[in-house]
Each structure stands twice: as structure tokens, then as C-alpha cells.
Amino acid sequence: MVLGIILYEGVDLAYNVARIGYNGVTGVYNWWYQVQKKQHQETSELITEIKNLNNRIKELENNLPNKTN
């Protein structure tokens, strides 16, 4: 029982240390070479598309005749 817990904790510790090391190395690499994450590129594409759609809506609203009661 105790051996299982010690082995489990050892594997868990090794996994977390390896994961932190990998994330640290990739973070420094991406920072050094100024590599953008894919998620940020997708987000910026969505923002530009939303801006384009807002501009189209404004153009369509300007083209509608004004109703005065």
C-alpha cells in the first residue's frame, strides 16, 4: 500500500517537473524568437472579421431611408 503511494507520488512529481520544464523551455524559445501562439492569431483574425462586419452594418444602416413620424 505504502509502496504504491510512493510510486504514484514519484511518477506524479516526475511528470509535473517535466511538464514545467517543457513549458518553461518552449516559453523562452517562443519569447526569444517572437513566435506567436496560434490561439492569438485566430483571435486577431476573429477581431478583424468582427470589425469588418460592424463596418458593413453601419454602411447598411446609412443606406436605409430615415423614417420620420
Protein backbone atom coordinates (compact mmCIF):
# COMPACT_ATOMS: atom_id res chain seq x y z
CA MET A 1 0.00 0.00 0.00
CA VAL A 2 2.70 2.46 1.02
CA LEU A 3 4.88 1.41 -1.91
CA GLY A 4 2.03 2.18 -4.32
CA ILE A 5 1.56 5.66 -2.87
CA ILE A 6 5.31 6.35 -3.03
CA LEU A 7 5.46 5.18 -6.65
CA TYR A 8 2.38 7.20 -7.57
CA GLU A 9 3.76 10.35 -5.95
CA GLY A 10 7.14 9.78 -7.63
CA VAL A 11 5.57 9.45 -11.07
CA ASP A 12 3.34 12.45 -10.42
CA LEU A 13 6.30 14.55 -9.31
CA ALA A 14 8.39 13.48 -12.32
CA TYR A 15 5.53 14.29 -14.70
CA ASN A 16 4.94 17.73 -13.21
CA VAL A 17 8.65 18.60 -13.20
CA ALA A 18 8.96 17.51 -16.84
CA ARG A 19 5.86 19.48 -17.78
CA ILE A 20 7.06 22.64 -16.02
CA GLY A 21 10.47 22.24 -17.67
CA TYR A 22 8.95 21.75 -21.12
CA ASN A 23 6.60 24.72 -20.73
CA GLY A 24 9.48 26.86 -19.48
CA VAL A 25 11.77 25.95 -22.36
CA THR A 26 9.07 26.43 -25.02
CA GLY A 27 8.04 29.72 -23.41
CA VAL A 28 11.60 31.05 -23.50
CA TYR A 29 12.05 29.81 -27.07
CA ASN A 30 8.82 31.47 -28.22
CA TRP A 31 9.73 34.68 -26.40
CA TRP A 32 13.27 34.74 -27.79
CA TYR A 33 12.25 34.12 -31.42
CA GLN A 34 9.00 36.09 -31.07
CA VAL A 35 6.80 33.20 -32.09
CA GLN A 36 3.11 33.97 -31.65
CA LYS A 37 0.78 31.33 -30.39
CA LYS A 38 -1.78 30.02 -32.83
CA GLN A 39 -4.58 31.00 -30.47
CA HIS A 40 -3.56 34.66 -30.63
CA GLN A 41 -3.54 34.60 -34.43
CA GLU A 42 -7.03 33.11 -34.53
CA THR A 43 -8.23 35.69 -32.03
CA SER A 44 -6.82 38.57 -34.08
CA GLU A 45 -8.45 37.16 -37.22
CA LEU A 46 -11.80 36.99 -35.43
CA ILE A 47 -11.42 40.55 -34.18
CA THR A 48 -10.72 41.86 -37.68
CA GLU A 49 -13.70 39.92 -39.04
CA ILE A 50 -15.97 41.39 -36.36
CA LYS A 51 -14.72 44.89 -37.20
CA ASN A 52 -15.43 44.29 -40.89
CA LEU A 53 -18.94 43.07 -40.09
CA ASN A 54 -19.59 46.10 -37.88
CA ASN A 55 -18.48 48.38 -40.73
CA ARG A 56 -20.83 46.58 -43.13
CA ILE A 57 -23.72 47.02 -40.69
CA LYS A 58 -23.00 50.74 -40.37
CA GLU A 59 -22.93 51.08 -44.17
CA LEU A 60 -26.25 49.28 -44.48
CA GLU A 61 -27.80 51.43 -41.76
CA ASN A 62 -26.62 54.55 -43.56
CA ASN A 63 -28.19 53.33 -46.80
CA LEU A 64 -31.60 52.78 -45.19
CA PRO A 65 -34.06 55.62 -45.61
CA ASN A 66 -34.74 57.51 -42.40
CA LYS A 67 -38.28 57.15 -41.09
CA THR A 68 -39.72 60.27 -39.59
CA ASN A 69 -43.14 60.15 -37.95
